[in-house]
Amino acid sequence: MHQKVRNHFEKHDPRLFEVLMKFDDTLLTPKKSDDYFVSLCEDIIGQQLGGKAADAITKRFHTLLGKNGVNPDAVLGHSDDAIRSIGTSWAKVRSLKDLAAKVKSREVRLDILSTFSDKDVLTELTKVKGIGPWTAEMFLMFSLGREDVFSYGDLGLKNAIIKIYGLKKDPSVKQIAKIEKTWRPYRTYACRILWASLDNR
């Protein structure tokens, strides 16, 4: 993590900075993906699942697709039943197939996503059935390495905010907005600190 990011949190949010100091902050820096299609497939599989369950199904997904790897042709070449059999829901099967079809037809242009604004990335990705704001936001953070993304739809972030800031069980969007605006332009770093705080309970 850059010193300027650390300095920002120390100045603007001492509570979050205190949490940050408990971790090796090199683990909290946004990273970029080398293969956007693979990343999106894994994001779809991981929707509404805990880390261990998502990892297990993702591993089976890679095994199913075999030596040619995860690509649109490989996904489209397997039956819905085959993909369902590894533990994905039918909704996720449809989403994976729709992603593959739209990428193959170039209706969704993964190859130029890195040149898009955050807003345009969300617009492009939500063309795919089953990809909503949360999945697109995770892609912005973990695949494109964007530094200033926050996801209001992520339950883990909400739980961490409740814990760290002593809020009531279900804080309003206005309450969360008041907190997260102090993190700009480094909200992705803040998210990673929040997630790390949950893993360190």
N, C-alpha and C. Protein backbone atom coordinates (compact mmCIF):
# COMPACT_ATOMS: atom_id res chain seq x y z
N MET A 1 0.84 -1.19 0.00
CA MET A 1 0.00 0.00 0.00
C MET A 1 0.88 1.24 0.00
N HIS A 2 0.55 2.18 -0.86
CA HIS A 2 1.34 3.40 -0.95
C HIS A 2 1.22 4.21 0.35
N GLN A 3 2.30 4.91 0.68
CA GLN A 3 2.29 5.71 1.89
C GLN A 3 1.21 6.78 1.85
N LYS A 4 0.93 7.30 0.65
CA LYS A 4 -0.10 8.35 0.54
C LYS A 4 -1.48 7.81 0.93
N VAL A 5 -1.71 6.52 0.68
CA VAL A 5 -2.98 5.91 1.07
C VAL A 5 -3.04 5.77 2.59
N ARG A 6 -1.97 5.29 3.16
CA ARG A 6 -1.89 5.17 4.62
C ARG A 6 -2.10 6.54 5.27
N ASN A 7 -1.45 7.55 4.73
CA ASN A 7 -1.56 8.90 5.28
C ASN A 7 -3.00 9.41 5.19
N HIS A 8 -3.66 9.06 4.09
CA HIS A 8 -5.05 9.50 3.89
C HIS A 8 -5.94 8.94 4.99
N PHE A 9 -5.83 7.64 5.25
CA PHE A 9 -6.67 7.03 6.28
C PHE A 9 -6.31 7.54 7.68
N GLU A 10 -5.02 7.73 7.91
CA GLU A 10 -4.60 8.23 9.21
C GLU A 10 -5.20 9.61 9.48
N LYS A 11 -5.28 10.43 8.44
CA LYS A 11 -5.79 11.80 8.57
C LYS A 11 -7.31 11.85 8.61
N HIS A 12 -7.96 11.08 7.72
CA HIS A 12 -9.40 11.23 7.51
C HIS A 12 -10.26 10.20 8.24
N ASP A 13 -9.67 9.07 8.65
CA ASP A 13 -10.45 8.05 9.35
C ASP A 13 -9.54 7.26 10.30
N PRO A 14 -9.27 7.83 11.47
CA PRO A 14 -8.38 7.17 12.43
C PRO A 14 -8.85 5.78 12.84
N ARG A 15 -10.17 5.55 12.87
CA ARG A 15 -10.67 4.21 13.24
C ARG A 15 -10.23 3.17 12.22
N LEU A 16 -10.40 3.50 10.96
CA LEU A 16 -10.00 2.54 9.93
C LEU A 16 -8.48 2.39 9.90
N PHE A 17 -7.78 3.47 10.14
CA PHE A 17 -6.32 3.40 10.17
C PHE A 17 -5.85 2.48 11.29
N GLU A 18 -6.54 2.52 12.41
CA GLU A 18 -6.19 1.63 13.53
C GLU A 18 -6.35 0.17 13.14
N VAL A 19 -7.40 -0.13 12.38
CA VAL A 19 -7.60 -1.49 11.89
C VAL A 19 -6.50 -1.86 10.89
N LEU A 20 -6.19 -0.95 10.01
CA LEU A 20 -5.15 -1.17 9.01
C LEU A 20 -3.82 -1.56 9.66
N MET A 21 -3.50 -0.95 10.77
CA MET A 21 -2.21 -1.19 11.41
C MET A 21 -2.06 -2.62 11.93
N LYS A 22 -3.16 -3.38 11.96
CA LYS A 22 -3.10 -4.76 12.44
C LYS A 22 -2.67 -5.73 11.35
N PHE A 23 -2.58 -5.25 10.11
CA PHE A 23 -2.36 -6.15 8.97
C PHE A 23 -1.09 -5.79 8.20
N ASP A 24 -0.61 -6.78 7.47
CA ASP A 24 0.44 -6.54 6.49
C ASP A 24 -0.23 -5.86 5.31
N ASP A 25 -0.05 -4.57 5.18
CA ASP A 25 -0.85 -3.84 4.21
C ASP A 25 -0.48 -4.14 2.75
N THR A 26 0.59 -4.89 2.52
CA THR A 26 0.89 -5.29 1.13
C THR A 26 -0.19 -6.23 0.61
N LEU A 27 -0.91 -6.89 1.53
CA LEU A 27 -1.98 -7.80 1.12
C LEU A 27 -3.26 -7.07 0.78
N LEU A 28 -3.32 -5.79 1.06
CA LEU A 28 -4.55 -5.03 0.89
C LEU A 28 -4.57 -4.18 -0.38
N THR A 29 -3.53 -4.26 -1.17
CA THR A 29 -3.43 -3.44 -2.37
C THR A 29 -4.24 -4.05 -3.51
N PRO A 30 -5.05 -3.24 -4.22
CA PRO A 30 -5.82 -3.77 -5.36
C PRO A 30 -4.93 -4.45 -6.38
N LYS A 31 -5.42 -5.57 -6.91
CA LYS A 31 -4.66 -6.34 -7.90
C LYS A 31 -5.45 -6.43 -9.20
N LYS A 32 -4.74 -6.72 -10.28
CA LYS A 32 -5.37 -6.83 -11.59
C LYS A 32 -5.34 -8.28 -12.07
N SER A 33 -6.33 -8.63 -12.87
CA SER A 33 -6.43 -9.98 -13.43
C SER A 33 -5.76 -10.03 -14.80
N ASP A 34 -5.25 -11.21 -15.13
CA ASP A 34 -4.67 -11.42 -16.45
C ASP A 34 -5.69 -11.94 -17.46
N ASP A 35 -6.85 -12.40 -16.97
CA ASP A 35 -7.85 -12.98 -17.86
C ASP A 35 -9.24 -12.59 -17.35
N TYR A 36 -9.84 -11.61 -18.00
CA TYR A 36 -11.11 -11.06 -17.52
C TYR A 36 -12.25 -12.07 -17.62
N PHE A 37 -12.23 -12.93 -18.64
CA PHE A 37 -13.31 -13.91 -18.78
C PHE A 37 -13.29 -14.90 -17.61
N VAL A 38 -12.11 -15.40 -17.29
CA VAL A 38 -11.97 -16.31 -16.16
C VAL A 38 -12.44 -15.63 -14.87
N SER A 39 -12.01 -14.39 -14.68
CA SER A 39 -12.38 -13.66 -13.47
C SER A 39 -13.88 -13.51 -13.34
N LEU A 40 -14.55 -13.19 -14.44
CA LEU A 40 -16.00 -13.01 -14.38
C LEU A 40 -16.72 -14.33 -14.11
N CYS A 41 -16.24 -15.40 -14.70
CA CYS A 41 -16.83 -16.71 -14.40
C CYS A 41 -16.71 -17.01 -12.91
N GLU A 42 -15.55 -16.74 -12.36
CA GLU A 42 -15.34 -17.01 -10.94
C GLU A 42 -16.18 -16.08 -10.07
N ASP A 43 -16.36 -14.83 -10.51
CA ASP A 43 -17.22 -13.90 -9.77
C ASP A 43 -18.67 -14.38 -9.77
N ILE A 44 -19.12 -14.88 -10.92
CA ILE A 44 -20.49 -15.40 -11.01
C ILE A 44 -20.66 -16.60 -10.09
N ILE A 45 -19.71 -17.52 -10.14
CA ILE A 45 -19.78 -18.71 -9.28
C ILE A 45 -19.80 -18.31 -7.81
N GLY A 46 -19.06 -17.28 -7.45
CA GLY A 46 -18.94 -16.87 -6.06
C GLY A 46 -20.08 -16.05 -5.51
N GLN A 47 -21.05 -15.70 -6.35
CA GLN A 47 -22.17 -14.87 -5.89
C GLN A 47 -22.90 -15.54 -4.72
N GLN A 48 -23.06 -14.79 -3.63
CA GLN A 48 -23.83 -15.22 -2.46
C GLN A 48 -23.31 -16.52 -1.82
N LEU A 49 -22.02 -16.76 -1.98
CA LEU A 49 -21.41 -17.94 -1.36
C LEU A 49 -20.26 -17.51 -0.45
N GLY A 50 -20.01 -18.31 0.57
CA GLY A 50 -18.83 -18.09 1.39
C GLY A 50 -17.58 -18.47 0.61
N GLY A 51 -16.44 -18.03 1.09
CA GLY A 51 -15.19 -18.24 0.37
C GLY A 51 -14.86 -19.70 0.09
N LYS A 52 -15.02 -20.56 1.10
CA LYS A 52 -14.66 -21.97 0.93
C LYS A 52 -15.55 -22.66 -0.09
N ALA A 53 -16.85 -22.39 -0.02
CA ALA A 53 -17.79 -23.01 -0.97
C ALA A 53 -17.50 -22.52 -2.38
N ALA A 54 -17.26 -21.22 -2.53
CA ALA A 54 -16.97 -20.66 -3.84
C ALA A 54 -15.68 -21.26 -4.41
N ASP A 55 -14.67 -21.39 -3.56
CA ASP A 55 -13.39 -21.95 -4.02
C ASP A 55 -13.55 -23.40 -4.48
N ALA A 56 -14.34 -24.17 -3.75
CA ALA A 56 -14.53 -25.58 -4.08
C ALA A 56 -15.24 -25.73 -5.44
N ILE A 57 -16.29 -24.94 -5.66
CA ILE A 57 -17.02 -25.03 -6.92
C ILE A 57 -16.18 -24.49 -8.07
N THR A 58 -15.43 -23.45 -7.81
CA THR A 58 -14.55 -22.90 -8.84
C THR A 58 -13.51 -23.92 -9.28
N LYS A 59 -12.96 -24.63 -8.32
CA LYS A 59 -11.98 -25.68 -8.65
C LYS A 59 -12.61 -26.76 -9.52
N ARG A 60 -13.83 -27.17 -9.18
CA ARG A 60 -14.52 -28.18 -9.99
C ARG A 60 -14.85 -27.64 -11.39
N PHE A 61 -15.14 -26.36 -11.47
CA PHE A 61 -15.42 -25.72 -12.76
C PHE A 61 -14.20 -25.78 -13.67
N HIS A 62 -13.04 -25.46 -13.13
CA HIS A 62 -11.80 -25.52 -13.92
C HIS A 62 -11.51 -26.96 -14.35
N THR A 63 -11.75 -27.90 -13.45
CA THR A 63 -11.53 -29.31 -13.78
C THR A 63 -12.47 -29.76 -14.89
N LEU A 64 -13.72 -29.36 -14.79
CA LEU A 64 -14.72 -29.73 -15.80
C LEU A 64 -14.32 -29.23 -17.18
N LEU A 65 -13.86 -28.01 -17.27
CA LEU A 65 -13.54 -27.44 -18.58
C LEU A 65 -12.25 -28.01 -19.16
N GLY A 66 -11.40 -28.56 -18.30
CA GLY A 66 -10.27 -29.35 -18.77
C GLY A 66 -9.09 -28.58 -19.30
N LYS A 67 -8.30 -29.27 -20.12
CA LYS A 67 -6.98 -28.76 -20.53
C LYS A 67 -7.04 -27.51 -21.39
N ASN A 68 -8.15 -27.28 -22.07
CA ASN A 68 -8.26 -26.08 -22.90
C ASN A 68 -8.55 -24.83 -22.10
N GLY A 69 -8.86 -25.01 -20.83
CA GLY A 69 -9.03 -23.87 -19.94
C GLY A 69 -10.41 -23.23 -20.02
N VAL A 70 -10.58 -22.18 -19.23
CA VAL A 70 -11.85 -21.47 -19.15
C VAL A 70 -11.89 -20.41 -20.24
N ASN A 71 -12.74 -20.63 -21.21
CA ASN A 71 -12.92 -19.68 -22.31
C ASN A 71 -14.35 -19.83 -22.83
N PRO A 72 -14.82 -18.87 -23.62
CA PRO A 72 -16.22 -18.94 -24.07
C PRO A 72 -16.59 -20.23 -24.78
N ASP A 73 -15.73 -20.72 -25.67
CA ASP A 73 -16.05 -21.95 -26.40
C ASP A 73 -16.17 -23.14 -25.46
N ALA A 74 -15.29 -23.20 -24.46
CA ALA A 74 -15.33 -24.31 -23.51
C ALA A 74 -16.62 -24.30 -22.69
N VAL A 75 -17.04 -23.11 -22.26
CA VAL A 75 -18.29 -22.99 -21.49
C VAL A 75 -19.48 -23.38 -22.36
N LEU A 76 -19.52 -22.87 -23.58
CA LEU A 76 -20.64 -23.16 -24.47
C LEU A 76 -20.64 -24.62 -24.92
N GLY A 77 -19.47 -25.26 -24.88
CA GLY A 77 -19.35 -26.65 -25.32
C GLY A 77 -19.81 -27.67 -24.30
N HIS A 78 -20.09 -27.22 -23.08
CA HIS A 78 -20.58 -28.12 -22.04
C HIS A 78 -22.08 -27.91 -21.84
N SER A 79 -22.77 -28.99 -21.56
CA SER A 79 -24.22 -28.90 -21.37
C SER A 79 -24.54 -28.17 -20.07
N ASP A 80 -25.75 -27.64 -20.00
CA ASP A 80 -26.21 -27.01 -18.77
C ASP A 80 -26.14 -27.99 -17.61
N ASP A 81 -26.54 -29.24 -17.86
CA ASP A 81 -26.53 -30.26 -16.80
C ASP A 81 -25.12 -30.50 -16.27
N ALA A 82 -24.14 -30.49 -17.17
CA ALA A 82 -22.76 -30.74 -16.75
C ALA A 82 -22.27 -29.63 -15.83
N ILE A 83 -22.57 -28.41 -16.18
CA ILE A 83 -22.14 -27.27 -15.36
C ILE A 83 -22.91 -27.24 -14.05
N ARG A 84 -24.17 -27.59 -14.12
CA ARG A 84 -24.99 -27.65 -12.90
C ARG A 84 -24.47 -28.72 -11.94
N SER A 85 -23.92 -29.79 -12.48
CA SER A 85 -23.51 -30.93 -11.66
C SER A 85 -22.34 -30.63 -10.74
N ILE A 86 -21.59 -29.56 -11.00
CA ILE A 86 -20.45 -29.23 -10.15
C ILE A 86 -20.85 -28.41 -8.93
N GLY A 87 -22.14 -28.06 -8.85
CA GLY A 87 -22.61 -27.34 -7.67
C GLY A 87 -23.10 -25.94 -7.93
N THR A 88 -23.09 -25.50 -9.18
CA THR A 88 -23.63 -24.19 -9.51
C THR A 88 -25.15 -24.25 -9.58
N SER A 89 -25.80 -23.15 -9.26
CA SER A 89 -27.25 -23.10 -9.39
C SER A 89 -27.62 -22.99 -10.87
N TRP A 90 -28.90 -23.27 -11.18
CA TRP A 90 -29.34 -23.11 -12.57
C TRP A 90 -29.21 -21.66 -13.02
N ALA A 91 -29.47 -20.72 -12.12
CA ALA A 91 -29.33 -19.31 -12.48
C ALA A 91 -27.89 -18.98 -12.87
N LYS A 92 -26.93 -19.57 -12.15
CA LYS A 92 -25.52 -19.30 -12.47
C LYS A 92 -25.11 -20.00 -13.76
N VAL A 93 -25.69 -21.16 -14.02
CA VAL A 93 -25.43 -21.82 -15.30
C VAL A 93 -25.87 -20.91 -16.44
N ARG A 94 -27.07 -20.37 -16.34
CA ARG A 94 -27.57 -19.46 -17.38
C ARG A 94 -26.69 -18.23 -17.52
N SER A 95 -26.23 -17.73 -16.39
CA SER A 95 -25.38 -16.54 -16.42
C SER A 95 -24.03 -16.83 -17.08
N LEU A 96 -23.42 -17.97 -16.73
CA LEU A 96 -22.14 -18.35 -17.34
C LEU A 96 -22.29 -18.54 -18.85
N LYS A 97 -23.38 -19.18 -19.26
CA LYS A 97 -23.62 -19.40 -20.69
C LYS A 97 -23.88 -18.07 -21.41
N ASP A 98 -24.61 -17.19 -20.78
CA ASP A 98 -24.91 -15.89 -21.39
C ASP A 98 -23.65 -15.04 -21.52
N LEU A 99 -22.81 -15.08 -20.49
CA LEU A 99 -21.53 -14.38 -20.56
C LEU A 99 -20.70 -14.91 -21.72
N ALA A 100 -20.59 -16.22 -21.82
CA ALA A 100 -19.79 -16.82 -22.89
C ALA A 100 -20.33 -16.43 -24.27
N ALA A 101 -21.65 -16.48 -24.43
CA ALA A 101 -22.26 -16.16 -25.72
C ALA A 101 -22.05 -14.69 -26.09
N LYS A 102 -22.20 -13.81 -25.11
CA LYS A 102 -22.07 -12.37 -25.40
C LYS A 102 -20.62 -11.96 -25.64
N VAL A 103 -19.70 -12.65 -24.96
CA VAL A 103 -18.27 -12.36 -25.22
C VAL A 103 -17.88 -12.89 -26.59
N LYS A 104 -18.35 -14.08 -26.92
CA LYS A 104 -18.01 -14.66 -28.23
C LYS A 104 -18.57 -13.83 -29.37
N SER A 105 -19.78 -13.30 -29.21
CA SER A 105 -20.40 -12.47 -30.27
C SER A 105 -19.90 -11.03 -30.25
N ARG A 106 -19.10 -10.71 -29.22
CA ARG A 106 -18.54 -9.37 -29.02
C ARG A 106 -19.61 -8.34 -28.66
N GLU A 107 -20.75 -8.81 -28.19
CA GLU A 107 -21.74 -7.90 -27.63
C GLU A 107 -21.22 -7.28 -26.35
N VAL A 108 -20.45 -8.08 -25.61
CA VAL A 108 -19.73 -7.59 -24.44
C VAL A 108 -18.24 -7.63 -24.77
N ARG A 109 -17.57 -6.48 -24.64
CA ARG A 109 -16.18 -6.35 -25.09
C ARG A 109 -15.24 -6.35 -23.89
N LEU A 110 -14.83 -7.53 -23.48
CA LEU A 110 -13.90 -7.62 -22.36
C LEU A 110 -12.53 -7.08 -22.72
N ASP A 111 -12.18 -7.15 -23.99
CA ASP A 111 -10.83 -6.77 -24.41
C ASP A 111 -10.54 -5.28 -24.25
N ILE A 112 -11.59 -4.46 -24.15
CA ILE A 112 -11.37 -3.02 -24.01
C ILE A 112 -11.93 -2.47 -22.70
N LEU A 113 -12.33 -3.35 -21.81
CA LEU A 113 -12.92 -2.88 -20.55
C LEU A 113 -11.98 -2.00 -19.74
N SER A 114 -10.70 -2.27 -19.82
CA SER A 114 -9.75 -1.50 -19.02
C SER A 114 -9.70 -0.04 -19.41
N THR A 115 -10.22 0.29 -20.59
CA THR A 115 -10.23 1.69 -21.04
C THR A 115 -11.51 2.40 -20.62
N PHE A 116 -12.48 1.67 -20.06
CA PHE A 116 -13.78 2.24 -19.70
C PHE A 116 -13.73 2.91 -18.34
N SER A 117 -14.62 3.87 -18.12
CA SER A 117 -14.83 4.43 -16.79
C SER A 117 -15.51 3.38 -15.92
N ASP A 118 -15.48 3.57 -14.61
CA ASP A 118 -16.15 2.63 -13.72
C ASP A 118 -17.62 2.49 -14.09
N LYS A 119 -18.27 3.61 -14.35
CA LYS A 119 -19.69 3.59 -14.70
C LYS A 119 -19.94 2.80 -15.97
N ASP A 120 -19.09 2.99 -16.97
CA ASP A 120 -19.26 2.28 -18.23
C ASP A 120 -18.96 0.79 -18.10
N VAL A 121 -18.04 0.43 -17.22
CA VAL A 121 -17.79 -1.00 -16.96
C VAL A 121 -19.05 -1.64 -16.39
N LEU A 122 -19.69 -0.97 -15.43
CA LEU A 122 -20.92 -1.51 -14.86
C LEU A 122 -22.00 -1.66 -15.93
N THR A 123 -22.11 -0.67 -16.80
CA THR A 123 -23.11 -0.73 -17.87
C THR A 123 -22.82 -1.90 -18.81
N GLU A 124 -21.56 -2.10 -19.16
CA GLU A 124 -21.19 -3.17 -20.08
C GLU A 124 -21.43 -4.55 -19.46
N LEU A 125 -21.00 -4.74 -18.23
CA LEU A 125 -21.09 -6.06 -17.62
C LEU A 125 -22.52 -6.44 -17.27
N THR A 126 -23.35 -5.47 -16.92
CA THR A 126 -24.72 -5.81 -16.55
C THR A 126 -25.60 -6.09 -17.77
N LYS A 127 -25.01 -6.11 -18.95
CA LYS A 127 -25.71 -6.65 -20.13
C LYS A 127 -25.89 -8.17 -19.99
N VAL A 128 -25.04 -8.78 -19.18
CA VAL A 128 -25.06 -10.24 -19.00
C VAL A 128 -26.10 -10.62 -17.96
N LYS A 129 -26.92 -11.61 -18.27
CA LYS A 129 -27.92 -12.09 -17.32
C LYS A 129 -27.23 -12.58 -16.05
N GLY A 130 -27.70 -12.11 -14.93
CA GLY A 130 -27.15 -12.58 -13.66
C GLY A 130 -25.98 -11.77 -13.15
N ILE A 131 -25.49 -10.83 -13.95
CA ILE A 131 -24.44 -9.93 -13.45
C ILE A 131 -25.10 -8.61 -13.07
N GLY A 132 -25.09 -8.33 -11.78
CA GLY A 132 -25.64 -7.08 -11.27
C GLY A 132 -24.54 -6.19 -10.75
N PRO A 133 -24.92 -5.12 -10.07
CA PRO A 133 -23.91 -4.18 -9.57
C PRO A 133 -22.84 -4.82 -8.70
N TRP A 134 -23.21 -5.77 -7.80
CA TRP A 134 -22.21 -6.35 -6.90
C TRP A 134 -21.12 -7.07 -7.68
N THR A 135 -21.50 -7.91 -8.62
CA THR A 135 -20.51 -8.66 -9.40
C THR A 135 -19.63 -7.70 -10.19
N ALA A 136 -20.24 -6.68 -10.78
CA ALA A 136 -19.46 -5.70 -11.54
C ALA A 136 -18.51 -4.92 -10.64
N GLU A 137 -18.95 -4.61 -9.43
CA GLU A 137 -18.09 -3.89 -8.49
C GLU A 137 -16.92 -4.76 -8.05
N MET A 138 -17.15 -6.05 -7.83
CA MET A 138 -16.05 -6.94 -7.48
C MET A 138 -15.05 -7.03 -8.63
N PHE A 139 -15.56 -7.03 -9.85
CA PHE A 139 -14.68 -7.07 -11.02
C PHE A 139 -13.84 -5.79 -11.09
N LEU A 140 -14.46 -4.66 -10.83
CA LEU A 140 -13.70 -3.40 -10.82
C LEU A 140 -12.57 -3.44 -9.80
N MET A 141 -12.86 -4.00 -8.63
CA MET A 141 -11.85 -4.04 -7.57
C MET A 141 -10.76 -5.07 -7.84
N PHE A 142 -11.20 -6.31 -8.13
CA PHE A 142 -10.27 -7.43 -8.12
C PHE A 142 -9.70 -7.80 -9.49
N SER A 143 -10.32 -7.32 -10.56
CA SER A 143 -9.80 -7.64 -11.89
C SER A 143 -9.20 -6.44 -12.59
N LEU A 144 -9.84 -5.28 -12.44
CA LEU A 144 -9.29 -4.07 -13.07
C LEU A 144 -8.40 -3.28 -12.12
N GLY A 145 -8.44 -3.62 -10.83
CA GLY A 145 -7.57 -2.94 -9.88
C GLY A 145 -7.91 -1.48 -9.66
N ARG A 146 -9.19 -1.13 -9.83
CA ARG A 146 -9.59 0.26 -9.62
C ARG A 146 -9.52 0.59 -8.13
N GLU A 147 -9.04 1.78 -7.81
CA GLU A 147 -8.73 2.12 -6.43
C GLU A 147 -9.88 2.74 -5.65
N ASP A 148 -10.93 3.18 -6.33
CA ASP A 148 -11.97 3.95 -5.63
C ASP A 148 -13.35 3.37 -5.89
N VAL A 149 -13.57 2.13 -5.44
CA VAL A 149 -14.85 1.44 -5.62
C VAL A 149 -15.38 1.01 -4.26
N PHE A 150 -16.69 1.20 -4.07
CA PHE A 150 -17.35 0.72 -2.86
C PHE A 150 -18.62 0.01 -3.27
N SER A 151 -18.96 -1.07 -2.57
CA SER A 151 -20.15 -1.85 -2.90
C SER A 151 -21.15 -1.80 -1.75
N TYR A 152 -22.24 -1.08 -1.96
CA TYR A 152 -23.30 -1.01 -0.95
C TYR A 152 -24.03 -2.34 -0.80
N GLY A 153 -23.93 -3.20 -1.81
CA GLY A 153 -24.63 -4.46 -1.76
C GLY A 153 -23.86 -5.59 -1.10
N ASP A 154 -22.66 -5.31 -0.61
CA ASP A 154 -21.85 -6.36 -0.01
C ASP A 154 -22.11 -6.45 1.49
N LEU A 155 -22.62 -7.60 1.92
CA LEU A 155 -23.00 -7.78 3.32
C LEU A 155 -21.78 -7.76 4.24
N GLY A 156 -20.66 -8.29 3.76
CA GLY A 156 -19.45 -8.29 4.58
C GLY A 156 -18.98 -6.88 4.91
N LEU A 157 -19.02 -6.00 3.93
CA LEU A 157 -18.62 -4.62 4.16
C LEU A 157 -19.55 -3.96 5.18
N LYS A 158 -20.84 -4.22 5.03
CA LYS A 158 -21.80 -3.64 5.97
C LYS A 158 -21.54 -4.15 7.39
N ASN A 159 -21.29 -5.44 7.53
CA ASN A 159 -21.04 -6.01 8.85
C ASN A 159 -19.78 -5.45 9.48
N ALA A 160 -18.75 -5.26 8.66
CA ALA A 160 -17.50 -4.70 9.17
C ALA A 160 -17.69 -3.25 9.62
N ILE A 161 -18.46 -2.50 8.86
CA ILE A 161 -18.73 -1.11 9.23
C ILE A 161 -19.51 -1.04 10.54
N ILE A 162 -20.50 -1.91 10.70
CA ILE A 162 -21.27 -1.97 11.95
C ILE A 162 -20.33 -2.23 13.13
N LYS A 163 -19.42 -3.18 12.93
CA LYS A 163 -18.50 -3.57 14.00
C LYS A 163 -17.51 -2.46 14.34
N ILE A 164 -16.91 -1.87 13.34
CA ILE A 164 -15.84 -0.89 13.57
C ILE A 164 -16.38 0.45 14.05
N TYR A 165 -17.54 0.85 13.55
CA TYR A 165 -18.06 2.18 13.84
C TYR A 165 -19.20 2.16 14.87
N GLY A 166 -19.50 0.97 15.40
CA GLY A 166 -20.49 0.88 16.46
C GLY A 166 -21.90 1.27 16.04
N LEU A 167 -22.26 0.92 14.81
CA LEU A 167 -23.59 1.26 14.31
C LEU A 167 -24.62 0.20 14.71
N LYS A 168 -25.89 0.58 14.57
CA LYS A 168 -26.95 -0.37 14.83
C LYS A 168 -26.97 -1.43 13.74
N LYS A 169 -27.77 -2.47 13.95
CA LYS A 169 -27.73 -3.67 13.11
C LYS A 169 -27.89 -3.39 11.63
N ASP A 170 -28.77 -2.47 11.26
CA ASP A 170 -29.03 -2.24 9.85
C ASP A 170 -28.88 -0.75 9.53
N PRO A 171 -27.64 -0.28 9.35
CA PRO A 171 -27.43 1.15 9.08
C PRO A 171 -28.03 1.56 7.76
N SER A 172 -28.44 2.80 7.67
CA SER A 172 -29.02 3.32 6.44
C SER A 172 -27.92 3.62 5.43
N VAL A 173 -28.34 3.76 4.18
CA VAL A 173 -27.40 4.13 3.12
C VAL A 173 -26.76 5.48 3.46
N LYS A 174 -27.54 6.38 4.03
CA LYS A 174 -27.03 7.71 4.38
C LYS A 174 -25.93 7.61 5.43
N GLN A 175 -26.11 6.72 6.42
CA GLN A 175 -25.08 6.54 7.45
C GLN A 175 -23.79 5.99 6.85
N ILE A 176 -23.93 4.99 5.98
CA ILE A 176 -22.75 4.40 5.36
C ILE A 176 -22.08 5.41 4.44
N ALA A 177 -22.87 6.17 3.71
CA ALA A 177 -22.32 7.17 2.78
C ALA A 177 -21.49 8.21 3.52
N LYS A 178 -21.94 8.58 4.70
CA LYS A 178 -21.20 9.57 5.49
C LYS A 178 -19.82 9.06 5.87
N ILE A 179 -19.73 7.74 6.10
CA ILE A 179 -18.45 7.13 6.46
C ILE A 179 -17.58 6.93 5.23
N GLU A 180 -18.14 6.33 4.18
CA GLU A 180 -17.32 5.95 3.04
C GLU A 180 -16.83 7.13 2.22
N LYS A 181 -17.50 8.27 2.32
CA LYS A 181 -17.04 9.43 1.54
C LYS A 181 -15.68 9.94 2.04
N THR A 182 -15.34 9.63 3.30
CA THR A 182 -14.05 10.06 3.83
C THR A 182 -12.90 9.24 3.25
N TRP A 183 -13.23 8.10 2.65
CA TRP A 183 -12.20 7.22 2.09
C TRP A 183 -11.79 7.60 0.68
N ARG A 184 -12.60 8.39 0.00
CA ARG A 184 -12.30 8.74 -1.39
C ARG A 184 -10.96 9.46 -1.47
N PRO A 185 -10.12 9.20 -2.44
CA PRO A 185 -10.30 8.36 -3.64
C PRO A 185 -9.71 6.94 -3.48
N TYR A 186 -9.78 6.38 -2.27
CA TYR A 186 -9.15 5.08 -2.01
C TYR A 186 -10.13 4.09 -1.39
N ARG A 187 -11.36 4.08 -1.88
CA ARG A 187 -12.38 3.24 -1.24
C ARG A 187 -12.12 1.74 -1.41
N THR A 188 -11.46 1.35 -2.50
CA THR A 188 -11.15 -0.07 -2.66
C THR A 188 -10.21 -0.55 -1.57
N TYR A 189 -9.21 0.26 -1.23
CA TYR A 189 -8.32 -0.09 -0.13
C TYR A 189 -9.12 -0.23 1.16
N ALA A 190 -10.05 0.68 1.38
CA ALA A 190 -10.88 0.63 2.58
C ALA A 190 -11.70 -0.66 2.63
N CYS A 191 -12.24 -1.05 1.49
CA CYS A 191 -13.01 -2.29 1.43
C CYS A 191 -12.16 -3.49 1.82
N ARG A 192 -10.95 -3.52 1.34
CA ARG A 192 -10.08 -4.64 1.63
C ARG A 192 -9.70 -4.67 3.12
N ILE A 193 -9.55 -3.50 3.72
CA ILE A 193 -9.30 -3.43 5.16
C ILE A 193 -10.51 -3.97 5.93
N LEU A 194 -11.70 -3.58 5.49
CA LEU A 194 -12.92 -4.03 6.15
C LEU A 194 -13.07 -5.54 6.06
N TRP A 195 -12.86 -6.10 4.87
CA TRP A 195 -12.94 -7.56 4.72
C TRP A 195 -11.91 -8.26 5.58
N ALA A 196 -10.70 -7.70 5.60
CA ALA A 196 -9.63 -8.31 6.41
C ALA A 196 -10.01 -8.31 7.89
N SER A 197 -10.71 -7.26 8.34
CA SER A 197 -11.11 -7.18 9.75
C SER A 197 -12.06 -8.29 10.12
N LEU A 198 -12.89 -8.72 9.17
CA LEU A 198 -13.82 -9.82 9.43
C LEU A 198 -13.10 -11.15 9.52
N ASP A 199 -12.06 -11.31 8.69
CA ASP A 199 -11.29 -12.55 8.70
C ASP A 199 -10.41 -12.67 9.94
N ASN A 200 -10.26 -11.56 10.65
CA ASN A 200 -9.34 -11.54 11.80
C ASN A 200 -10.10 -11.47 13.12
N ARG A 201 -11.38 -11.87 13.10
CA ARG A 201 -12.17 -11.77 14.33
C ARG A 201 -11.66 -12.74 15.39
